[in-house]
Amino acid sequence: MKTEKTKLTISDDDFQKFREYFYRKTGISFEPTKRYFVDKRLIERIEATDSDTFRNYFTMMRFQVSGEELQLLTNLMTVNETYFLREEYQFECMVESILPEIVKRKADNSPIRVWCIPSSSGEEPYTVAMYLLERWAGIHHWDVEIISSDIDTGILHKARVGRYSARSVMHVPAPWLIKYFSRVGDDYQICQDLREAVEFTRVNLAEPADTRNYRNFDLIFCRNLLIYFDDLSRKAAAETFFDALRPGGFLCLGHAESMSRISSIYKIRKFPQAIVYQKSLEAR
């Protein structure tokens, strides 16, 4: 007689253990309101690995030498909801206010360096590239390096492929859509030139070794990530970005995020298009 399989559940203690562990590893803090979201994904991985119980799975994940399971779970736990030209006023600010300041004080011909984190599926860094090509005359005189990073390896692969739904490109101007995309069935494939213009890298902001070599950026976009962090992780991220910026460099946050509630190390700049945060010219 076939026995019915016991339904897996995540206890309150299990949830708390995982929540604390995941926070230490990623800086992401899950509130109790996210319980269903977390439980569903944990159970999915417990079943996929034939671990039978949370305890067996948790032990395996923590002590797995390769770290592969933690990465797979991290990919499931991170939210990647975005689209092209999201919060467009910041890209307008980039070309109309920020970049003119940056090039005015550049004493050498070193490239302008832009860092987008999290990359998500690539809409943000590709928007940066299109905006530079279409709206900034300086692109003909300056080299620009665009680096885009995420903790989710799966989403980085999607970003490198550069294939998007109609919803994702709904705000892209028609001439840009024709110029930079081709139709593939119901989807839109971004052109190879733009795919080659962005370097995608895997970075965990909570791991200092991952960010140590990220330096000398003129502009950082970190939008709608810090809302998933607690106060301590936000402060650490702010300091990481500060170290990554050149003196006088700029940081753009999401519309629901405010550096004034996180750290006082940045100068608040109120441009006509947007409020952004600047590293002092005297800072090192």
C-alpha atoms as a PDB file:
ATOM      1  CA  MET A   1       0.000   0.000   0.000  1.00  0.00           C
ATOM      2  CA  LYS A   2       1.418   3.377  -1.033  1.00  0.00           C
ATOM      3  CA  THR A   3       1.820   5.826   1.854  1.00  0.00           C
ATOM      4  CA  GLU A   4       0.852   9.427   1.376  1.00  0.00           C
ATOM      5  CA  LYS A   5       3.790  11.816   1.292  1.00  0.00           C
ATOM      6  CA  THR A   6       3.967  14.106   4.323  1.00  0.00           C
ATOM      7  CA  LYS A   7       3.360  17.702   3.398  1.00  0.00           C
ATOM      8  CA  LEU A   8       6.415  19.879   4.030  1.00  0.00           C
ATOM      9  CA  THR A   9       6.008  22.895   6.283  1.00  0.00           C
ATOM     10  CA  ILE A  10       8.395  25.546   7.586  1.00  0.00           C
ATOM     11  CA  SER A  11       8.060  26.148  11.333  1.00  0.00           C
ATOM     12  CA  ASP A  12       8.452  29.525  13.023  1.00  0.00           C
ATOM     13  CA  ASP A  13      11.880  28.449  14.314  1.00  0.00           C
ATOM     14  CA  ASP A  14      12.892  27.279  10.833  1.00  0.00           C
ATOM     15  CA  PHE A  15      11.852  30.596   9.328  1.00  0.00           C
ATOM     16  CA  GLN A  16      13.811  32.547  11.945  1.00  0.00           C
ATOM     17  CA  LYS A  17      16.942  30.414  11.446  1.00  0.00           C
ATOM     18  CA  PHE A  18      16.821  30.871   7.707  1.00  0.00           C
ATOM     19  CA  ARG A  19      15.996  34.555   7.972  1.00  0.00           C
ATOM     20  CA  GLU A  20      19.047  35.227  10.180  1.00  0.00           C
ATOM     21  CA  TYR A  21      21.342  33.128   8.001  1.00  0.00           C
ATOM     22  CA  PHE A  22      20.206  34.718   4.735  1.00  0.00           C
ATOM     23  CA  TYR A  23      20.600  38.173   6.251  1.00  0.00           C
ATOM     24  CA  ARG A  24      24.195  37.440   7.264  1.00  0.00           C
ATOM     25  CA  LYS A  25      24.977  36.143   3.796  1.00  0.00           C
ATOM     26  CA  THR A  26      23.227  38.775   1.646  1.00  0.00           C
ATOM     27  CA  GLY A  27      22.197  41.738   3.802  1.00  0.00           C
ATOM     28  CA  ILE A  28      18.573  41.121   2.771  1.00  0.00           C
ATOM     29  CA  SER A  29      16.146  41.039   5.672  1.00  0.00           C
ATOM     30  CA  PHE A  30      12.802  39.270   5.224  1.00  0.00           C
ATOM     31  CA  GLU A  31       9.990  40.680   7.307  1.00  0.00           C
ATOM     32  CA  PRO A  32       7.275  38.360   8.675  1.00  0.00           C
ATOM     33  CA  THR A  33       4.978  39.724   5.964  1.00  0.00           C
ATOM     34  CA  LYS A  34       7.193  37.909   3.418  1.00  0.00           C
ATOM     35  CA  ARG A  35       6.695  34.577   5.183  1.00  0.00           C
ATOM     36  CA  TYR A  36       4.615  32.950   2.431  1.00  0.00           C
ATOM     37  CA  PHE A  37       7.104  34.052  -0.230  1.00  0.00           C
ATOM     38  CA  VAL A  38      10.057  32.599   1.733  1.00  0.00           C
ATOM     39  CA  ASP A  39       8.320  29.354   2.768  1.00  0.00           C
ATOM     40  CA  LYS A  40       7.219  28.601  -0.790  1.00  0.00           C
ATOM     41  CA  ARG A  41      10.737  28.906  -2.165  1.00  0.00           C
ATOM     42  CA  LEU A  42      12.348  26.991   0.675  1.00  0.00           C
ATOM     43  CA  ILE A  43       9.949  24.085   0.185  1.00  0.00           C
ATOM     44  CA  GLU A  44      10.638  24.160  -3.540  1.00  0.00           C
ATOM     45  CA  ARG A  45      14.378  23.692  -2.939  1.00  0.00           C
ATOM     46  CA  ILE A  46      13.889  21.092  -0.160  1.00  0.00           C
ATOM     47  CA  GLU A  47      11.862  18.976  -2.583  1.00  0.00           C
ATOM     48  CA  ALA A  48      14.252  19.563  -5.485  1.00  0.00           C
ATOM     49  CA  THR A  49      17.212  18.329  -3.416  1.00  0.00           C
ATOM     50  CA  ASP A  50      15.326  15.394  -1.831  1.00  0.00           C
ATOM     51  CA  SER A  51      16.291  16.742   1.593  1.00  0.00           C
ATOM     52  CA  ASP A  52      12.990  15.603   3.243  1.00  0.00           C
ATOM     53  CA  THR A  53      13.102  18.201   6.035  1.00  0.00           C
ATOM     54  CA  PHE A  54      14.137  21.809   6.505  1.00  0.00           C
ATOM     55  CA  ARG A  55      16.819  20.727   8.961  1.00  0.00           C
ATOM     56  CA  ASN A  56      18.470  18.383   6.450  1.00  0.00           C
ATOM     57  CA  TYR A  57      18.274  20.971   3.704  1.00  0.00           C
ATOM     58  CA  PHE A  58      19.581  23.805   5.882  1.00  0.00           C
ATOM     59  CA  THR A  59      22.548  21.712   7.018  1.00  0.00           C
ATOM     60  CA  MET A  60      23.389  20.699   3.463  1.00  0.00           C
ATOM     61  CA  MET A  61      23.171  24.267   2.186  1.00  0.00           C
ATOM     62  CA  ARG A  62      25.341  25.766   4.916  1.00  0.00           C
ATOM     63  CA  PHE A  63      28.138  23.238   4.614  1.00  0.00           C
ATOM     64  CA  GLN A  64      28.139  22.651   0.872  1.00  0.00           C
ATOM     65  CA  VAL A  65      31.683  23.485  -0.246  1.00  0.00           C
ATOM     66  CA  SER A  66      30.700  24.763  -3.700  1.00  0.00           C
ATOM     67  CA  GLY A  67      28.016  27.126  -2.380  1.00  0.00           C
ATOM     68  CA  GLU A  68      25.904  26.142  -5.371  1.00  0.00           C
ATOM     69  CA  GLU A  69      22.693  25.565  -3.412  1.00  0.00           C
ATOM     70  CA  LEU A  70      22.921  28.882  -1.590  1.00  0.00           C
ATOM     71  CA  GLN A  71      23.313  30.604  -4.960  1.00  0.00           C
ATOM     72  CA  LEU A  72      20.313  28.748  -6.407  1.00  0.00           C
ATOM     73  CA  LEU A  73      18.194  29.711  -3.415  1.00  0.00           C
ATOM     74  CA  THR A  74      19.419  33.308  -3.574  1.00  0.00           C
ATOM     75  CA  ASN A  75      18.338  33.447  -7.212  1.00  0.00           C
ATOM     76  CA  LEU A  76      14.852  32.347  -6.132  1.00  0.00           C
ATOM     77  CA  MET A  77      14.656  34.748  -3.192  1.00  0.00           C
ATOM     78  CA  THR A  78      15.639  37.945  -4.993  1.00  0.00           C
ATOM     79  CA  VAL A  79      12.987  40.083  -6.686  1.00  0.00           C
ATOM     80  CA  ASN A  80      13.700  41.245 -10.254  1.00  0.00           C
ATOM     81  CA  GLU A  81      10.812  43.417 -11.381  1.00  0.00           C
ATOM     82  CA  THR A  82      11.790  46.266 -13.679  1.00  0.00           C
ATOM     83  CA  TYR A  83      11.382  47.780 -17.164  1.00  0.00           C
ATOM     84  CA  PHE A  84      13.145  50.165 -19.535  1.00  0.00           C
ATOM     85  CA  LEU A  85      13.231  53.894 -18.659  1.00  0.00           C
ATOM     86  CA  ARG A  86      11.951  53.267 -15.124  1.00  0.00           C
ATOM     87  CA  GLU A  87      12.101  56.557 -13.148  1.00  0.00           C
ATOM     88  CA  GLU A  88      13.241  58.283 -16.320  1.00  0.00           C
ATOM     89  CA  TYR A  89      13.829  61.633 -14.621  1.00  0.00           C
ATOM     90  CA  GLN A  90      17.082  60.248 -13.205  1.00  0.00           C
ATOM     91  CA  PHE A  91      18.415  59.454 -16.673  1.00  0.00           C
ATOM     92  CA  GLU A  92      17.467  62.986 -17.707  1.00  0.00           C
ATOM     93  CA  CYS A  93      19.397  64.225 -14.675  1.00  0.00           C
ATOM     94  CA  MET A  94      22.360  62.088 -15.729  1.00  0.00           C
ATOM     95  CA  VAL A  95      22.703  63.682 -19.185  1.00  0.00           C
ATOM     96  CA  GLU A  96      21.552  67.222 -18.347  1.00  0.00           C
ATOM     97  CA  SER A  97      23.163  67.859 -14.945  1.00  0.00           C
ATOM     98  CA  ILE A  98      25.446  65.101 -13.635  1.00  0.00           C
ATOM     99  CA  LEU A  99      27.607  64.342 -16.670  1.00  0.00           C
ATOM    100  CA  PRO A 100      28.295  68.018 -17.483  1.00  0.00           C
ATOM    101  CA  GLU A 101      29.683  68.401 -13.943  1.00  0.00           C
ATOM    102  CA  ILE A 102      31.747  65.237 -14.222  1.00  0.00           C
ATOM    103  CA  VAL A 103      33.411  66.129 -17.538  1.00  0.00           C
ATOM    104  CA  LYS A 104      33.996  69.740 -16.475  1.00  0.00           C
ATOM    105  CA  ARG A 105      36.303  68.698 -13.657  1.00  0.00           C
ATOM    106  CA  LYS A 106      37.960  65.705 -15.343  1.00  0.00           C
ATOM    107  CA  ALA A 107      41.657  66.498 -15.588  1.00  0.00           C
ATOM    108  CA  ASP A 108      42.501  63.492 -17.749  1.00  0.00           C
ATOM    109  CA  ASN A 109      40.940  61.465 -20.528  1.00  0.00           C
ATOM    110  CA  SER A 110      40.057  58.480 -18.353  1.00  0.00           C
ATOM    111  CA  PRO A 111      36.714  56.839 -19.174  1.00  0.00           C
ATOM    112  CA  ILE A 112      33.546  57.891 -17.388  1.00  0.00           C
ATOM    113  CA  ARG A 113      32.591  54.891 -15.258  1.00  0.00           C
ATOM    114  CA  VAL A 114      28.976  53.987 -14.416  1.00  0.00           C
ATOM    115  CA  TRP A 115      27.933  51.183 -12.056  1.00  0.00           C
ATOM    116  CA  CYS A 116      24.363  49.842 -11.986  1.00  0.00           C
ATOM    117  CA  ILE A 117      23.526  47.579  -9.050  1.00  0.00           C
ATOM    118  CA  PRO A 118      21.368  45.536  -8.941  1.00  0.00           C
ATOM    119  CA  SER A 119      21.416  44.813 -12.644  1.00  0.00           C
ATOM    120  CA  SER A 120      18.211  42.777 -12.558  1.00  0.00           C
ATOM    121  CA  SER A 121      17.480  41.610 -16.119  1.00  0.00           C
ATOM    122  CA  GLY A 122      19.458  44.467 -17.677  1.00  0.00           C
ATOM    123  CA  GLU A 123      16.837  47.103 -18.435  1.00  0.00           C
ATOM    124  CA  GLU A 124      18.564  49.778 -16.332  1.00  0.00           C
ATOM    125  CA  PRO A 125      22.132  49.554 -17.731  1.00  0.00           C
ATOM    126  CA  TYR A 126      20.810  49.237 -21.273  1.00  0.00           C
ATOM    127  CA  THR A 127      18.662  52.321 -20.662  1.00  0.00           C
ATOM    128  CA  VAL A 128      21.807  54.162 -19.498  1.00  0.00           C
ATOM    129  CA  ALA A 129      23.532  53.150 -22.745  1.00  0.00           C
ATOM    130  CA  MET A 130      20.614  54.255 -24.946  1.00  0.00           C
ATOM    131  CA  TYR A 131      20.236  57.551 -23.091  1.00  0.00           C
ATOM    132  CA  LEU A 132      23.928  58.316 -23.573  1.00  0.00           C
ATOM    133  CA  LEU A 133      23.709  57.552 -27.283  1.00  0.00           C
ATOM    134  CA  GLU A 134      20.478  59.450 -27.878  1.00  0.00           C
ATOM    135  CA  ARG A 135      20.530  62.334 -25.412  1.00  0.00           C
ATOM    136  CA  TRP A 136      24.162  63.176 -24.572  1.00  0.00           C
ATOM    137  CA  ALA A 137      26.394  64.880 -27.147  1.00  0.00           C
ATOM    138  CA  GLY A 138      29.429  64.143 -24.998  1.00  0.00           C
ATOM    139  CA  ILE A 139      29.287  60.477 -25.982  1.00  0.00           C
ATOM    140  CA  HIS A 140      31.186  61.445 -29.151  1.00  0.00           C
ATOM    141  CA  HIS A 141      34.093  62.791 -27.079  1.00  0.00           C
ATOM    142  CA  TRP A 142      34.242  60.530 -24.028  1.00  0.00           C
ATOM    143  CA  ASP A 143      34.640  56.821 -23.484  1.00  0.00           C
ATOM    144  CA  VAL A 144      32.050  55.398 -21.065  1.00  0.00           C
ATOM    145  CA  GLU A 145      32.314  52.117 -19.187  1.00  0.00           C
ATOM    146  CA  ILE A 146      29.051  50.615 -17.896  1.00  0.00           C
ATOM    147  CA  ILE A 147      29.328  47.868 -15.284  1.00  0.00           C
ATOM    148  CA  SER A 148      26.151  46.179 -14.032  1.00  0.00           C
ATOM    149  CA  SER A 149      26.096  43.776 -11.087  1.00  0.00           C
ATOM    150  CA  ASP A 150      23.684  41.486  -9.302  1.00  0.00           C
ATOM    151  CA  ILE A 151      23.753  38.708  -6.722  1.00  0.00           C
ATOM    152  CA  ASP A 152      21.443  36.557  -8.876  1.00  0.00           C
ATOM    153  CA  THR A 153      23.393  34.540 -11.461  1.00  0.00           C
ATOM    154  CA  GLY A 154      20.225  33.527 -13.300  1.00  0.00           C
ATOM    155  CA  ILE A 155      19.107  37.092 -13.845  1.00  0.00           C
ATOM    156  CA  LEU A 156      22.606  38.057 -15.007  1.00  0.00           C
ATOM    157  CA  HIS A 157      22.372  35.412 -17.728  1.00  0.00           C
ATOM    158  CA  LYS A 158      19.035  36.865 -18.811  1.00  0.00           C
ATOM    159  CA  ALA A 159      20.555  40.356 -18.874  1.00  0.00           C
ATOM    160  CA  ARG A 160      23.419  39.207 -21.092  1.00  0.00           C
ATOM    161  CA  VAL A 161      20.963  37.570 -23.501  1.00  0.00           C
ATOM    162  CA  GLY A 162      18.935  40.805 -23.626  1.00  0.00           C
ATOM    163  CA  ARG A 163      15.544  39.464 -24.696  1.00  0.00           C
ATOM    164  CA  TYR A 164      12.484  41.261 -23.316  1.00  0.00           C
ATOM    165  CA  SER A 165       8.693  41.147 -23.232  1.00  0.00           C
ATOM    166  CA  ALA A 166       6.437  43.811 -24.689  1.00  0.00           C
ATOM    167  CA  ARG A 167       5.686  45.001 -21.150  1.00  0.00           C
ATOM    168  CA  SER A 168       9.371  45.555 -20.450  1.00  0.00           C
ATOM    169  CA  VAL A 169       9.819  47.858 -23.467  1.00  0.00           C
ATOM    170  CA  MET A 170       6.443  49.619 -23.219  1.00  0.00           C
ATOM    171  CA  HIS A 171       8.027  53.028 -22.396  1.00  0.00           C
ATOM    172  CA  VAL A 172      10.795  52.858 -25.002  1.00  0.00           C
ATOM    173  CA  PRO A 173      10.237  55.523 -27.709  1.00  0.00           C
ATOM    174  CA  ALA A 174       9.268  53.973 -31.034  1.00  0.00           C
ATOM    175  CA  PRO A 175      12.399  55.233 -32.866  1.00  0.00           C
ATOM    176  CA  TRP A 176      14.622  53.692 -30.168  1.00  0.00           C
ATOM    177  CA  LEU A 177      12.703  50.432 -30.380  1.00  0.00           C
ATOM    178  CA  ILE A 178      13.332  50.263 -34.121  1.00  0.00           C
ATOM    179  CA  LYS A 179      16.969  51.292 -33.784  1.00  0.00           C
ATOM    180  CA  TYR A 180      18.078  49.119 -30.865  1.00  0.00           C
ATOM    181  CA  PHE A 181      15.732  46.112 -30.865  1.00  0.00           C
ATOM    182  CA  SER A 182      14.629  43.378 -33.225  1.00  0.00           C
ATOM    183  CA  ARG A 183      11.472  41.284 -32.923  1.00  0.00           C
ATOM    184  CA  VAL A 184      11.823  37.635 -31.931  1.00  0.00           C
ATOM    185  CA  GLY A 185       8.315  36.202 -31.838  1.00  0.00           C
ATOM    186  CA  ASP A 186       6.432  38.183 -29.204  1.00  0.00           C
ATOM    187  CA  ASP A 187       9.680  39.410 -27.594  1.00  0.00           C
ATOM    188  CA  TYR A 188      12.220  42.142 -28.301  1.00  0.00           C
ATOM    189  CA  GLN A 189      15.929  41.360 -28.642  1.00  0.00           C
ATOM    190  CA  ILE A 190      18.322  44.189 -27.823  1.00  0.00           C
ATOM    191  CA  CYS A 191      21.084  44.698 -30.375  1.00  0.00           C
ATOM    192  CA  GLN A 192      24.538  43.193 -30.034  1.00  0.00           C
ATOM    193  CA  ASP A 193      26.277  46.592 -29.856  1.00  0.00           C
ATOM    194  CA  LEU A 194      24.403  47.434 -26.649  1.00  0.00           C
ATOM    195  CA  ARG A 195      24.938  43.963 -25.212  1.00  0.00           C
ATOM    196  CA  GLU A 196      28.652  44.428 -25.746  1.00  0.00           C
ATOM    197  CA  ALA A 197      28.548  47.922 -24.214  1.00  0.00           C
ATOM    198  CA  VAL A 198      27.610  46.597 -20.745  1.00  0.00           C
ATOM    199  CA  GLU A 199      29.755  44.321 -18.577  1.00  0.00           C
ATOM    200  CA  PHE A 200      27.655  42.150 -16.259  1.00  0.00           C
ATOM    201  CA  THR A 201      29.222  40.838 -13.054  1.00  0.00           C
ATOM    202  CA  ARG A 202      28.100  38.851 -10.013  1.00  0.00           C
ATOM    203  CA  VAL A 203      28.419  40.892  -6.793  1.00  0.00           C
ATOM    204  CA  ASN A 204      27.109  40.373  -3.262  1.00  0.00           C
ATOM    205  CA  LEU A 205      27.031  43.765  -1.527  1.00  0.00           C
ATOM    206  CA  ALA A 206      27.190  42.060   1.866  1.00  0.00           C
ATOM    207  CA  GLU A 207      30.507  40.425   0.984  1.00  0.00           C
ATOM    208  CA  PRO A 208      33.454  42.899   1.159  1.00  0.00           C
ATOM    209  CA  ALA A 209      35.640  40.667  -1.019  1.00  0.00           C
ATOM    210  CA  ASP A 210      33.109  41.052  -3.864  1.00  0.00           C
ATOM    211  CA  THR A 211      33.245  44.866  -3.892  1.00  0.00           C
ATOM    212  CA  ARG A 212      36.894  45.504  -3.004  1.00  0.00           C
ATOM    213  CA  ASN A 213      37.956  46.034  -6.608  1.00  0.00           C
ATOM    214  CA  TYR A 214      34.979  48.222  -7.549  1.00  0.00           C
ATOM    215  CA  ARG A 215      36.561  51.670  -7.480  1.00  0.00           C
ATOM    216  CA  ASN A 216      36.782  54.977  -9.368  1.00  0.00           C
ATOM    217  CA  PHE A 217      33.162  55.207 -10.505  1.00  0.00           C
ATOM    218  CA  ASP A 218      31.769  58.590 -11.521  1.00  0.00           C
ATOM    219  CA  LEU A 219      28.125  57.558 -11.176  1.00  0.00           C
ATOM    220  CA  ILE A 220      26.339  54.728  -9.377  1.00  0.00           C
ATOM    221  CA  PHE A 221      22.703  53.733  -9.826  1.00  0.00           C
ATOM    222  CA  CYS A 222      21.416  51.685  -6.875  1.00  0.00           C
ATOM    223  CA  ARG A 223      17.655  51.926  -7.132  1.00  0.00           C
ATOM    224  CA  ASN A 224      15.050  49.977  -5.191  1.00  0.00           C
ATOM    225  CA  LEU A 225      17.542  47.635  -3.526  1.00  0.00           C
ATOM    226  CA  LEU A 226      18.061  49.224  -0.117  1.00  0.00           C
ATOM    227  CA  ILE A 227      14.345  48.900   0.672  1.00  0.00           C
ATOM    228  CA  TYR A 228      15.065  45.182   1.200  1.00  0.00           C
ATOM    229  CA  PHE A 229      17.880  45.933   3.693  1.00  0.00           C
ATOM    230  CA  ASP A 230      17.691  46.809   7.373  1.00  0.00           C
ATOM    231  CA  ASP A 231      19.346  49.955   8.792  1.00  0.00           C
ATOM    232  CA  LEU A 232      22.705  48.279   9.436  1.00  0.00           C
ATOM    233  CA  SER A 233      22.915  46.786   5.935  1.00  0.00           C
ATOM    234  CA  ARG A 234      21.849  50.093   4.347  1.00  0.00           C
ATOM    235  CA  LYS A 235      24.618  51.935   6.170  1.00  0.00           C
ATOM    236  CA  ALA A 236      27.182  49.336   5.085  1.00  0.00           C
ATOM    237  CA  ALA A 237      25.998  49.612   1.470  1.00  0.00           C
ATOM    238  CA  ALA A 238      26.225  53.413   1.605  1.00  0.00           C
ATOM    239  CA  GLU A 239      29.834  53.135   2.768  1.00  0.00           C
ATOM    240  CA  THR A 240      30.622  50.579   0.055  1.00  0.00           C
ATOM    241  CA  PHE A 241      29.316  52.946  -2.621  1.00  0.00           C
ATOM    242  CA  PHE A 242      31.202  55.858  -1.059  1.00  0.00           C
ATOM    243  CA  ASP A 243      34.452  53.902  -1.375  1.00  0.00           C
ATOM    244  CA  ALA A 244      33.574  52.918  -4.945  1.00  0.00           C
ATOM    245  CA  LEU A 245      33.029  56.512  -6.090  1.00  0.00           C
ATOM    246  CA  ARG A 246      35.653  58.933  -7.272  1.00  0.00           C
ATOM    247  CA  PRO A 247      35.776  62.200  -5.282  1.00  0.00           C
ATOM    248  CA  GLY A 248      32.839  64.234  -6.565  1.00  0.00           C
ATOM    249  CA  GLY A 249      31.057  61.138  -7.875  1.00  0.00           C
ATOM    250  CA  PHE A 250      27.268  60.731  -7.706  1.00  0.00           C
ATOM    251  CA  LEU A 251      24.867  58.113  -6.333  1.00  0.00           C
ATOM    252  CA  CYS A 252      21.248  57.734  -7.506  1.00  0.00           C
ATOM    253  CA  LEU A 253      18.760  55.889  -5.280  1.00  0.00           C
ATOM    254  CA  GLY A 254      15.178  54.815  -5.911  1.00  0.00           C
ATOM    255  CA  HIS A 255      12.295  57.235  -5.379  1.00  0.00           C
ATOM    256  CA  ALA A 256      11.326  55.550  -2.086  1.00  0.00           C
ATOM    257  CA  GLU A 257      14.878  55.630  -0.710  1.00  0.00           C
ATOM    258  CA  SER A 258      16.614  58.524   1.038  1.00  0.00           C
ATOM    259  CA  MET A 259      20.286  58.700   1.971  1.00  0.00           C
ATOM    260  CA  SER A 260      19.512  61.294   4.646  1.00  0.00           C
ATOM    261  CA  ARG A 261      17.902  58.496   6.681  1.00  0.00           C
ATOM    262  CA  ILE A 262      20.875  56.188   6.144  1.00  0.00           C
ATOM    263  CA  SER A 263      24.146  58.118   6.352  1.00  0.00           C
ATOM    264  CA  SER A 264      25.509  61.667   6.517  1.00  0.00           C
ATOM    265  CA  ILE A 265      28.664  61.006   4.471  1.00  0.00           C
ATOM    266  CA  TYR A 266      27.098  62.232   1.213  1.00  0.00           C
ATOM    267  CA  LYS A 267      26.221  65.734   0.103  1.00  0.00           C
ATOM    268  CA  ILE A 268      22.609  66.105  -1.046  1.00  0.00           C
ATOM    269  CA  ARG A 269      22.372  67.641  -4.518  1.00  0.00           C
ATOM    270  CA  LYS A 270      19.038  69.012  -5.717  1.00  0.00           C
ATOM    271  CA  PHE A 271      19.141  69.231  -9.489  1.00  0.00           C
ATOM    272  CA  PRO A 272      16.144  70.403 -11.573  1.00  0.00           C
ATOM    273  CA  GLN A 273      15.446  66.806 -12.604  1.00  0.00           C
ATOM    274  CA  ALA A 274      16.175  64.826  -9.425  1.00  0.00           C
ATOM    275  CA  ILE A 275      17.728  64.670  -5.963  1.00  0.00           C
ATOM    276  CA  VAL A 276      20.984  62.709  -5.969  1.00  0.00           C
ATOM    277  CA  TYR A 277      23.866  62.165  -3.541  1.00  0.00           C
ATOM    278  CA  GLN A 278      27.459  63.235  -4.034  1.00  0.00           C
ATOM    279  CA  LYS A 279      30.793  62.228  -2.578  1.00  0.00           C
ATOM    280  CA  SER A 280      32.774  65.287  -1.530  1.00  0.00           C
ATOM    281  CA  LEU A 281      35.544  66.426  -3.876  1.00  0.00           C
ATOM    282  CA  GLU A 282      37.895  66.438  -0.874  1.00  0.00           C
ATOM    283  CA  ALA A 283      37.028  62.873   0.179  1.00  0.00           C
ATOM    284  CA  ARG A 284      39.376  60.015  -0.501  1.00  0.00           C
END
